[in-house]
All heavy atoms as atom14 arrays in JSON, in Angstrom:
{
  "sequence": "GGFLKSGNSTFLIGIDDSQLEKAKEIIKKSVKSEVIKDNNEELKVYG",
  "atom14_mask": [
    [1, 1, 1, 1, 0, 0, 0, 0, 0, 0, 0, 0, 0, 0],
    [1, 1, 1, 1, 0, 0, 0, 0, 0, 0, 0, 0, 0, 0],
    [1, 1, 1, 1, 1, 1, 1, 1, 1, 1, 1, 0, 0, 0],
    [1, 1, 1, 1, 1, 1, 1, 1, 0, 0, 0, 0, 0, 0],
    [1, 1, 1, 1, 1, 1, 1, 1, 1, 0, 0, 0, 0, 0],
    [1, 1, 1, 1, 1, 1, 0, 0, 0, 0, 0, 0, 0, 0],
    [1, 1, 1, 1, 0, 0, 0, 0, 0, 0, 0, 0, 0, 0],
    [1, 1, 1, 1, 1, 1, 1, 1, 0, 0, 0, 0, 0, 0],
    [1, 1, 1, 1, 1, 1, 0, 0, 0, 0, 0, 0, 0, 0],
    [1, 1, 1, 1, 1, 1, 1, 0, 0, 0, 0, 0, 0, 0],
    [1, 1, 1, 1, 1, 1, 1, 1, 1, 1, 1, 0, 0, 0],
    [1, 1, 1, 1, 1, 1, 1, 1, 0, 0, 0, 0, 0, 0],
    [1, 1, 1, 1, 1, 1, 1, 1, 0, 0, 0, 0, 0, 0],
    [1, 1, 1, 1, 0, 0, 0, 0, 0, 0, 0, 0, 0, 0],
    [1, 1, 1, 1, 1, 1, 1, 1, 0, 0, 0, 0, 0, 0],
    [1, 1, 1, 1, 1, 1, 1, 1, 0, 0, 0, 0, 0, 0],
    [1, 1, 1, 1, 1, 1, 1, 1, 0, 0, 0, 0, 0, 0],
    [1, 1, 1, 1, 1, 1, 0, 0, 0, 0, 0, 0, 0, 0],
    [1, 1, 1, 1, 1, 1, 1, 1, 1, 0, 0, 0, 0, 0],
    [1, 1, 1, 1, 1, 1, 1, 1, 0, 0, 0, 0, 0, 0],
    [1, 1, 1, 1, 1, 1, 1, 1, 1, 0, 0, 0, 0, 0],
    [1, 1, 1, 1, 1, 1, 1, 1, 1, 0, 0, 0, 0, 0],
    [1, 1, 1, 1, 1, 0, 0, 0, 0, 0, 0, 0, 0, 0],
    [1, 1, 1, 1, 1, 1, 1, 1, 1, 0, 0, 0, 0, 0],
    [1, 1, 1, 1, 1, 1, 1, 1, 1, 0, 0, 0, 0, 0],
    [1, 1, 1, 1, 1, 1, 1, 1, 0, 0, 0, 0, 0, 0],
    [1, 1, 1, 1, 1, 1, 1, 1, 0, 0, 0, 0, 0, 0],
    [1, 1, 1, 1, 1, 1, 1, 1, 1, 0, 0, 0, 0, 0],
    [1, 1, 1, 1, 1, 1, 1, 1, 1, 0, 0, 0, 0, 0],
    [1, 1, 1, 1, 1, 1, 0, 0, 0, 0, 0, 0, 0, 0],
    [1, 1, 1, 1, 1, 1, 1, 0, 0, 0, 0, 0, 0, 0],
    [1, 1, 1, 1, 1, 1, 1, 1, 1, 0, 0, 0, 0, 0],
    [1, 1, 1, 1, 1, 1, 0, 0, 0, 0, 0, 0, 0, 0],
    [1, 1, 1, 1, 1, 1, 1, 1, 1, 0, 0, 0, 0, 0],
    [1, 1, 1, 1, 1, 1, 1, 0, 0, 0, 0, 0, 0, 0],
    [1, 1, 1, 1, 1, 1, 1, 1, 0, 0, 0, 0, 0, 0],
    [1, 1, 1, 1, 1, 1, 1, 1, 1, 0, 0, 0, 0, 0],
    [1, 1, 1, 1, 1, 1, 1, 1, 0, 0, 0, 0, 0, 0],
    [1, 1, 1, 1, 1, 1, 1, 1, 0, 0, 0, 0, 0, 0],
    [1, 1, 1, 1, 1, 1, 1, 1, 0, 0, 0, 0, 0, 0],
    [1, 1, 1, 1, 1, 1, 1, 1, 1, 0, 0, 0, 0, 0],
    [1, 1, 1, 1, 1, 1, 1, 1, 1, 0, 0, 0, 0, 0],
    [1, 1, 1, 1, 1, 1, 1, 1, 0, 0, 0, 0, 0, 0],
    [1, 1, 1, 1, 1, 1, 1, 1, 1, 0, 0, 0, 0, 0],
    [1, 1, 1, 1, 1, 1, 1, 0, 0, 0, 0, 0, 0, 0],
    [1, 1, 1, 1, 1, 1, 1, 1, 1, 1, 1, 1, 0, 0],
    [1, 1, 1, 1, 0, 0, 0, 0, 0, 0, 0, 0, 0, 0]
  ],
  "atom14_positions": [
    [[145.47, 129.31, 65.15], [145.65, 128.07, 64.4], [146.92, 128.05, 63.59], [147.7, 129.01, 63.67], [0.0, 0.0, 0.0], [0.0, 0.0, 0.0], [0.0, 0.0, 0.0], [0.0, 0.0, 0.0], [0.0, 0.0, 0.0], [0.0, 0.0, 0.0], [0.0, 0.0, 0.0], [0.0, 0.0, 0.0], [0.0, 0.0, 0.0], [0.0, 0.0, 0.0]],
    [[147.13, 127.01, 62.9], [148.3, 126.97, 62.06], [148.76, 125.55, 61.82], [148.46, 124.63, 62.68], [0.0, 0.0, 0.0], [0.0, 0.0, 0.0], [0.0, 0.0, 0.0], [0.0, 0.0, 0.0], [0.0, 0.0, 0.0], [0.0, 0.0, 0.0], [0.0, 0.0, 0.0], [0.0, 0.0, 0.0], [0.0, 0.0, 0.0], [0.0, 0.0, 0.0]],
    [[149.33, 125.38, 60.74], [149.88, 124.0, 60.37], [151.17, 123.78, 61.12], [152.04, 124.61, 61.22], [150.1, 124.0, 58.82], [150.6, 122.73, 58.34], [149.84, 121.61, 58.42], [151.78, 122.63, 57.72], [150.25, 120.34, 57.94], [152.23, 121.39, 57.2], [151.47, 120.29, 57.24], [0.0, 0.0, 0.0], [0.0, 0.0, 0.0], [0.0, 0.0, 0.0]],
    [[151.38, 122.57, 61.62], [152.53, 122.22, 62.31], [152.81, 123.07, 63.59], [153.96, 123.37, 64.05], [153.7, 122.1, 61.47], [153.77, 121.09, 60.28], [154.94, 121.3, 59.43], [153.72, 119.82, 60.83], [0.0, 0.0, 0.0], [0.0, 0.0, 0.0], [0.0, 0.0, 0.0], [0.0, 0.0, 0.0], [0.0, 0.0, 0.0], [0.0, 0.0, 0.0]],
    [[151.73, 123.62, 64.14], [151.83, 124.44, 65.35], [152.61, 125.68, 65.2], [153.23, 126.19, 66.17], [152.32, 123.57, 66.55], [151.39, 122.42, 66.94], [151.84, 121.74, 68.15], [150.99, 120.57, 68.34], [151.39, 119.7, 69.39], [0.0, 0.0, 0.0], [0.0, 0.0, 0.0], [0.0, 0.0, 0.0], [0.0, 0.0, 0.0], [0.0, 0.0, 0.0]],
    [[152.73, 126.22, 64.02], [153.44, 127.48, 63.74], [152.45, 128.54, 63.79], [151.34, 128.39, 63.36], [154.16, 127.39, 62.48], [153.26, 127.19, 61.27], [0.0, 0.0, 0.0], [0.0, 0.0, 0.0], [0.0, 0.0, 0.0], [0.0, 0.0, 0.0], [0.0, 0.0, 0.0], [0.0, 0.0, 0.0], [0.0, 0.0, 0.0], [0.0, 0.0, 0.0]],
    [[152.87, 129.75, 64.2], [151.98, 130.88, 64.29], [151.84, 131.6, 62.96], [152.85, 131.55, 62.08], [0.0, 0.0, 0.0], [0.0, 0.0, 0.0], [0.0, 0.0, 0.0], [0.0, 0.0, 0.0], [0.0, 0.0, 0.0], [0.0, 0.0, 0.0], [0.0, 0.0, 0.0], [0.0, 0.0, 0.0], [0.0, 0.0, 0.0], [0.0, 0.0, 0.0]],
    [[150.7, 132.22, 62.69], [150.43, 132.74, 61.47], [149.64, 134.11, 61.83], [149.04, 134.24, 62.84], [149.51, 131.94, 60.57], [150.11, 130.68, 60.09], [151.21, 130.7, 59.58], [149.44, 129.58, 60.36], [0.0, 0.0, 0.0], [0.0, 0.0, 0.0], [0.0, 0.0, 0.0], [0.0, 0.0, 0.0], [0.0, 0.0, 0.0], [0.0, 0.0, 0.0]],
    [[149.78, 135.04, 60.77], [149.03, 136.31, 60.85], [148.29, 136.34, 59.5], [148.78, 135.96, 58.55], [149.91, 137.49, 61.06], [150.45, 137.46, 62.37], [0.0, 0.0, 0.0], [0.0, 0.0, 0.0], [0.0, 0.0, 0.0], [0.0, 0.0, 0.0], [0.0, 0.0, 0.0], [0.0, 0.0, 0.0], [0.0, 0.0, 0.0], [0.0, 0.0, 0.0]],
    [[147.13, 137.0, 59.54], [146.26, 137.16, 58.3], [146.21, 138.61, 57.93], [146.04, 139.5, 58.76], [144.83, 136.57, 58.65], [144.92, 135.29, 58.89], [144.01, 136.79, 57.28], [0.0, 0.0, 0.0], [0.0, 0.0, 0.0], [0.0, 0.0, 0.0], [0.0, 0.0, 0.0], [0.0, 0.0, 0.0], [0.0, 0.0, 0.0], [0.0, 0.0, 0.0]],
    [[146.55, 138.9, 56.73], [146.54, 140.3, 56.25], [145.4, 140.49, 55.12], [145.21, 139.56, 54.44], [147.87, 140.67, 55.59], [148.95, 140.8, 56.59], [149.67, 139.66, 57.02], [149.27, 141.98, 57.21], [150.66, 139.77, 57.96], [150.25, 142.16, 58.19], [150.96, 141.02, 58.55], [0.0, 0.0, 0.0], [0.0, 0.0, 0.0], [0.0, 0.0, 0.0]],
    [[144.85, 141.69, 55.17], [143.98, 142.1, 54.11], [144.56, 143.21, 53.38], [145.05, 144.2, 53.95], [142.61, 142.64, 54.67], [141.67, 141.57, 55.52], [140.57, 142.21, 55.99], [141.45, 140.34, 54.55], [0.0, 0.0, 0.0], [0.0, 0.0, 0.0], [0.0, 0.0, 0.0], [0.0, 0.0, 0.0], [0.0, 0.0, 0.0], [0.0, 0.0, 0.0]],
    [[144.77, 143.09, 52.05], [145.38, 144.06, 51.23], [144.55, 144.46, 50.02], [144.28, 143.58, 49.18], [146.77, 143.51, 50.74], [147.67, 143.01, 51.92], [147.6, 144.57, 49.94], [148.76, 141.94, 51.51], [0.0, 0.0, 0.0], [0.0, 0.0, 0.0], [0.0, 0.0, 0.0], [0.0, 0.0, 0.0], [0.0, 0.0, 0.0], [0.0, 0.0, 0.0]],
    [[144.02, 145.65, 50.01], [143.22, 146.1, 48.98], [144.08, 146.93, 47.96], [144.63, 147.82, 48.41], [0.0, 0.0, 0.0], [0.0, 0.0, 0.0], [0.0, 0.0, 0.0], [0.0, 0.0, 0.0], [0.0, 0.0, 0.0], [0.0, 0.0, 0.0], [0.0, 0.0, 0.0], [0.0, 0.0, 0.0], [0.0, 0.0, 0.0], [0.0, 0.0, 0.0]],
    [[144.06, 146.47, 46.78], [144.92, 147.26, 45.82], [144.16, 147.32, 44.43], [143.27, 146.5, 44.19], [146.3, 146.38, 45.57], [145.99, 144.91, 45.13], [147.08, 146.57, 46.71], [147.23, 144.27, 44.74], [0.0, 0.0, 0.0], [0.0, 0.0, 0.0], [0.0, 0.0, 0.0], [0.0, 0.0, 0.0], [0.0, 0.0, 0.0], [0.0, 0.0, 0.0]],
    [[144.65, 148.26, 43.57], [144.1, 148.33, 42.18], [144.69, 147.12, 41.45], [145.78, 146.64, 41.79], [144.61, 149.62, 41.52], [143.93, 150.88, 42.13], [142.76, 150.81, 42.51], [144.61, 151.92, 42.28], [0.0, 0.0, 0.0], [0.0, 0.0, 0.0], [0.0, 0.0, 0.0], [0.0, 0.0, 0.0], [0.0, 0.0, 0.0], [0.0, 0.0, 0.0]],
    [[143.92, 146.85, 40.36], [144.42, 145.65, 39.57], [145.91, 145.86, 39.07], [146.66, 145.0, 38.93], [143.49, 145.52, 38.37], [142.1, 145.06, 38.65], [141.94, 144.61, 39.86], [141.29, 144.92, 37.82], [0.0, 0.0, 0.0], [0.0, 0.0, 0.0], [0.0, 0.0, 0.0], [0.0, 0.0, 0.0], [0.0, 0.0, 0.0], [0.0, 0.0, 0.0]],
    [[146.28, 147.15, 38.69], [147.59, 147.42, 38.27], [148.69, 147.23, 39.2], [149.89, 147.05, 38.83], [147.58, 148.85, 37.81], [147.5, 149.79, 38.86], [0.0, 0.0, 0.0], [0.0, 0.0, 0.0], [0.0, 0.0, 0.0], [0.0, 0.0, 0.0], [0.0, 0.0, 0.0], [0.0, 0.0, 0.0], [0.0, 0.0, 0.0], [0.0, 0.0, 0.0]],
    [[148.32, 147.1, 40.56], [149.31, 146.86, 41.57], [149.42, 145.42, 42.02], [150.29, 145.05, 42.93], [148.99, 147.7, 42.79], [149.29, 149.2, 42.61], [148.91, 149.96, 43.89], [147.84, 149.8, 44.51], [149.91, 150.65, 44.36], [0.0, 0.0, 0.0], [0.0, 0.0, 0.0], [0.0, 0.0, 0.0], [0.0, 0.0, 0.0], [0.0, 0.0, 0.0]],
    [[148.68, 144.52, 41.46], [148.63, 143.1, 41.83], [149.98, 142.44, 41.8], [150.48, 141.8, 42.79], [147.56, 142.34, 41.15], [147.56, 140.85, 41.47], [147.07, 140.73, 42.97], [146.44, 140.18, 40.6], [0.0, 0.0, 0.0], [0.0, 0.0, 0.0], [0.0, 0.0, 0.0], [0.0, 0.0, 0.0], [0.0, 0.0, 0.0], [0.0, 0.0, 0.0]],
    [[150.63, 142.56, 40.67], [151.95, 141.84, 40.53], [152.95, 142.45, 41.51], [153.72, 141.71, 42.05], [152.44, 141.97, 39.08], [151.57, 141.2, 38.09], [151.48, 139.75, 38.55], [152.58, 139.04, 38.83], [150.41, 139.08, 38.44], [0.0, 0.0, 0.0], [0.0, 0.0, 0.0], [0.0, 0.0, 0.0], [0.0, 0.0, 0.0], [0.0, 0.0, 0.0]],
    [[153.03, 143.8, 41.69], [153.84, 144.4, 42.62], [153.68, 143.76, 43.99], [154.64, 143.57, 44.8], [153.67, 145.95, 42.6], [154.59, 146.72, 43.43], [154.4, 148.19, 43.35], [155.42, 149.05, 44.14], [155.13, 150.46, 43.92], [0.0, 0.0, 0.0], [0.0, 0.0, 0.0], [0.0, 0.0, 0.0], [0.0, 0.0, 0.0], [0.0, 0.0, 0.0]],
    [[152.4, 143.76, 44.42], [152.1, 143.22, 45.8], [152.56, 141.78, 45.92], [153.15, 141.4, 46.93], [150.55, 143.33, 46.03], [0.0, 0.0, 0.0], [0.0, 0.0, 0.0], [0.0, 0.0, 0.0], [0.0, 0.0, 0.0], [0.0, 0.0, 0.0], [0.0, 0.0, 0.0], [0.0, 0.0, 0.0], [0.0, 0.0, 0.0], [0.0, 0.0, 0.0]],
    [[152.37, 140.95, 44.85], [152.81, 139.6, 44.9], [154.33, 139.49, 44.99], [154.87, 138.62, 45.72], [152.31, 138.76, 43.79], [150.77, 138.53, 43.76], [150.09, 137.88, 42.7], [150.77, 137.26, 41.65], [149.96, 136.62, 40.6], [0.0, 0.0, 0.0], [0.0, 0.0, 0.0], [0.0, 0.0, 0.0], [0.0, 0.0, 0.0], [0.0, 0.0, 0.0]],
    [[155.0, 140.39, 44.3], [156.46, 140.37, 44.36], [156.91, 140.79, 45.72], [157.95, 140.28, 46.26], [157.03, 141.39, 43.29], [157.05, 140.79, 41.9], [157.73, 139.55, 41.66], [158.96, 139.37, 42.29], [157.31, 138.6, 41.14], [0.0, 0.0, 0.0], [0.0, 0.0, 0.0], [0.0, 0.0, 0.0], [0.0, 0.0, 0.0], [0.0, 0.0, 0.0]],
    [[156.37, 141.73, 46.33], [156.74, 142.14, 47.82], [156.56, 140.96, 48.75], [157.4, 140.76, 49.49], [155.82, 143.28, 48.28], [156.19, 144.62, 47.48], [156.04, 143.56, 49.69], [155.13, 145.75, 47.71], [0.0, 0.0, 0.0], [0.0, 0.0, 0.0], [0.0, 0.0, 0.0], [0.0, 0.0, 0.0], [0.0, 0.0, 0.0], [0.0, 0.0, 0.0]],
    [[155.49, 140.22, 48.57], [155.27, 139.08, 49.45], [156.31, 138.02, 49.05], [156.88, 137.46, 50.05], [153.82, 138.55, 49.21], [152.76, 139.49, 49.8], [153.66, 137.18, 49.96], [151.39, 139.24, 49.32], [0.0, 0.0, 0.0], [0.0, 0.0, 0.0], [0.0, 0.0, 0.0], [0.0, 0.0, 0.0], [0.0, 0.0, 0.0], [0.0, 0.0, 0.0]],
    [[156.6, 137.76, 47.85], [157.63, 136.73, 47.58], [158.97, 137.16, 48.12], [159.79, 136.28, 48.49], [157.83, 136.61, 46.01], [156.65, 135.9, 45.42], [156.97, 135.75, 43.9], [155.76, 135.12, 43.12], [156.0, 135.12, 41.68], [0.0, 0.0, 0.0], [0.0, 0.0, 0.0], [0.0, 0.0, 0.0], [0.0, 0.0, 0.0], [0.0, 0.0, 0.0]],
    [[159.26, 138.48, 48.09], [160.56, 139.03, 48.59], [160.62, 138.97, 50.16], [161.69, 138.78, 50.75], [160.7, 140.43, 48.18], [161.97, 141.13, 48.69], [162.13, 142.49, 47.99], [161.34, 143.54, 48.86], [161.58, 144.95, 48.45], [0.0, 0.0, 0.0], [0.0, 0.0, 0.0], [0.0, 0.0, 0.0], [0.0, 0.0, 0.0], [0.0, 0.0, 0.0]],
    [[159.44, 138.91, 50.76], [159.37, 139.04, 52.3], [159.37, 137.66, 52.98], [159.66, 137.62, 54.15], [158.09, 139.82, 52.6], [158.09, 141.1, 52.09], [0.0, 0.0, 0.0], [0.0, 0.0, 0.0], [0.0, 0.0, 0.0], [0.0, 0.0, 0.0], [0.0, 0.0, 0.0], [0.0, 0.0, 0.0], [0.0, 0.0, 0.0], [0.0, 0.0, 0.0]],
    [[158.92, 136.63, 52.35], [158.77, 135.33, 53.0], [159.6, 134.34, 52.19], [159.96, 134.4, 51.15], [157.29, 134.87, 53.08], [156.46, 135.97, 53.73], [156.71, 134.59, 51.65], [0.0, 0.0, 0.0], [0.0, 0.0, 0.0], [0.0, 0.0, 0.0], [0.0, 0.0, 0.0], [0.0, 0.0, 0.0], [0.0, 0.0, 0.0], [0.0, 0.0, 0.0]],
    [[159.78, 133.16, 52.97], [160.53, 132.05, 52.41], [159.79, 130.72, 52.67], [159.14, 130.67, 53.69], [161.93, 131.95, 52.92], [162.77, 133.12, 52.8], [163.28, 133.34, 51.42], [164.15, 134.45, 51.31], [163.85, 135.49, 50.43], [0.0, 0.0, 0.0], [0.0, 0.0, 0.0], [0.0, 0.0, 0.0], [0.0, 0.0, 0.0], [0.0, 0.0, 0.0]],
    [[159.94, 129.74, 51.79], [159.43, 128.49, 52.01], [160.57, 127.65, 52.52], [161.73, 128.06, 52.29], [158.82, 127.87, 50.76], [157.8, 128.54, 50.26], [0.0, 0.0, 0.0], [0.0, 0.0, 0.0], [0.0, 0.0, 0.0], [0.0, 0.0, 0.0], [0.0, 0.0, 0.0], [0.0, 0.0, 0.0], [0.0, 0.0, 0.0], [0.0, 0.0, 0.0]],
    [[160.26, 126.6, 53.31], [161.37, 125.75, 53.87], [160.9, 124.29, 53.88], [159.72, 123.97, 53.81], [161.73, 126.18, 55.24], [160.5, 126.14, 56.22], [160.88, 126.76, 57.59], [162.11, 127.06, 57.89], [160.04, 126.97, 58.32], [0.0, 0.0, 0.0], [0.0, 0.0, 0.0], [0.0, 0.0, 0.0], [0.0, 0.0, 0.0], [0.0, 0.0, 0.0]],
    [[161.84, 123.45, 53.77], [161.61, 122.04, 53.85], [162.08, 121.52, 55.11], [163.15, 121.76, 55.67], [162.38, 121.21, 52.76], [162.21, 119.75, 52.84], [161.97, 121.74, 51.29], [0.0, 0.0, 0.0], [0.0, 0.0, 0.0], [0.0, 0.0, 0.0], [0.0, 0.0, 0.0], [0.0, 0.0, 0.0], [0.0, 0.0, 0.0], [0.0, 0.0, 0.0]],
    [[161.08, 120.86, 55.84], [161.4, 120.29, 57.24], [161.29, 118.76, 57.17], [160.54, 118.24, 56.33], [160.53, 120.95, 58.32], [159.03, 120.61, 58.06], [160.8, 122.43, 58.46], [158.1, 121.02, 59.27], [0.0, 0.0, 0.0], [0.0, 0.0, 0.0], [0.0, 0.0, 0.0], [0.0, 0.0, 0.0], [0.0, 0.0, 0.0], [0.0, 0.0, 0.0]],
    [[161.88, 118.07, 58.04], [161.74, 116.67, 58.15], [160.92, 116.36, 59.32], [161.08, 116.86, 60.42], [163.19, 116.04, 58.31], [163.97, 115.99, 57.05], [165.24, 115.19, 57.13], [165.85, 115.17, 55.82], [166.93, 114.21, 55.8], [0.0, 0.0, 0.0], [0.0, 0.0, 0.0], [0.0, 0.0, 0.0], [0.0, 0.0, 0.0], [0.0, 0.0, 0.0]],
    [[159.94, 115.48, 59.1], [159.03, 114.97, 60.17], [158.85, 113.51, 59.96], [158.37, 113.04, 58.92], [157.75, 115.7, 60.08], [156.73, 115.42, 61.17], [157.21, 115.3, 62.32], [155.54, 115.32, 60.98], [0.0, 0.0, 0.0], [0.0, 0.0, 0.0], [0.0, 0.0, 0.0], [0.0, 0.0, 0.0], [0.0, 0.0, 0.0], [0.0, 0.0, 0.0]],
    [[159.3, 112.73, 60.94], [159.26, 111.26, 60.87], [159.83, 110.74, 59.6], [159.25, 109.94, 58.81], [157.82, 110.83, 61.08], [157.21, 111.12, 62.38], [157.98, 111.2, 63.45], [155.97, 111.36, 62.38], [0.0, 0.0, 0.0], [0.0, 0.0, 0.0], [0.0, 0.0, 0.0], [0.0, 0.0, 0.0], [0.0, 0.0, 0.0], [0.0, 0.0, 0.0]],
    [[161.07, 111.19, 59.22], [161.84, 110.82, 58.02], [161.05, 111.18, 56.75], [161.34, 110.63, 55.7], [162.07, 109.3, 58.03], [163.08, 108.92, 59.13], [163.95, 109.74, 59.44], [162.86, 107.83, 59.73], [0.0, 0.0, 0.0], [0.0, 0.0, 0.0], [0.0, 0.0, 0.0], [0.0, 0.0, 0.0], [0.0, 0.0, 0.0], [0.0, 0.0, 0.0]],
    [[160.11, 112.09, 56.8], [159.41, 112.57, 55.66], [159.76, 114.11, 55.41], [159.84, 114.68, 56.45], [157.93, 112.45, 55.82], [157.23, 111.24, 55.21], [155.84, 111.38, 55.3], [155.22, 112.14, 54.35], [155.16, 110.75, 56.15], [0.0, 0.0, 0.0], [0.0, 0.0, 0.0], [0.0, 0.0, 0.0], [0.0, 0.0, 0.0], [0.0, 0.0, 0.0]],
    [[160.04, 114.47, 54.21], [160.3, 115.89, 53.99], [158.98, 116.65, 53.7], [158.19, 116.13, 52.78], [161.28, 116.05, 52.86], [162.65, 115.67, 53.24], [163.63, 116.08, 52.11], [163.24, 116.38, 51.05], [164.85, 115.91, 52.44], [0.0, 0.0, 0.0], [0.0, 0.0, 0.0], [0.0, 0.0, 0.0], [0.0, 0.0, 0.0], [0.0, 0.0, 0.0]],
    [[158.69, 117.74, 54.36], [157.53, 118.43, 54.08], [157.86, 119.84, 53.7], [158.79, 120.53, 54.35], [156.67, 118.56, 55.42], [156.12, 117.23, 55.91], [155.54, 117.55, 57.3], [155.14, 116.64, 55.11], [0.0, 0.0, 0.0], [0.0, 0.0, 0.0], [0.0, 0.0, 0.0], [0.0, 0.0, 0.0], [0.0, 0.0, 0.0], [0.0, 0.0, 0.0]],
    [[157.28, 120.3, 52.69], [157.51, 121.79, 52.29], [156.51, 122.71, 53.03], [155.26, 122.41, 52.86], [157.44, 121.95, 50.75], [157.86, 123.35, 50.3], [158.11, 123.46, 48.86], [158.69, 124.81, 48.47], [159.04, 124.83, 47.14], [0.0, 0.0, 0.0], [0.0, 0.0, 0.0], [0.0, 0.0, 0.0], [0.0, 0.0, 0.0], [0.0, 0.0, 0.0]],
    [[157.06, 123.6, 53.78], [156.2, 124.56, 54.5], [156.25, 125.89, 53.76], [157.37, 126.48, 53.7], [156.67, 124.61, 55.98], [155.69, 125.68, 56.71], [156.57, 123.28, 56.67], [0.0, 0.0, 0.0], [0.0, 0.0, 0.0], [0.0, 0.0, 0.0], [0.0, 0.0, 0.0], [0.0, 0.0, 0.0], [0.0, 0.0, 0.0], [0.0, 0.0, 0.0]],
    [[155.16, 126.46, 53.33], [155.18, 127.75, 52.57], [155.16, 128.86, 53.58], [154.45, 128.79, 54.59], [154.03, 127.77, 51.66], [154.13, 126.7, 50.58], [153.54, 125.39, 50.71], [154.92, 126.97, 49.4], [153.78, 124.45, 49.7], [155.1, 126.03, 48.4], [154.51, 124.77, 48.57], [154.64, 123.8, 47.57], [0.0, 0.0, 0.0], [0.0, 0.0, 0.0]],
    [[155.82, 130.01, 53.26], [155.75, 131.11, 54.05], [154.44, 131.95, 53.97], [154.2, 132.78, 54.82], [0.0, 0.0, 0.0], [0.0, 0.0, 0.0], [0.0, 0.0, 0.0], [0.0, 0.0, 0.0], [0.0, 0.0, 0.0], [0.0, 0.0, 0.0], [0.0, 0.0, 0.0], [0.0, 0.0, 0.0], [0.0, 0.0, 0.0], [0.0, 0.0, 0.0]]
  ]
}
């Protein structure tokens, strides 16, 4: 499945509470959001 026919993968990440912010930072560093045009509309697609 996926939005706009793009492929996705699902990850399960078990961490201690103290590592939550670190894990979120790793994800932010690893992926990018992008703006695409579809029928003269701009759509933001999150990574």
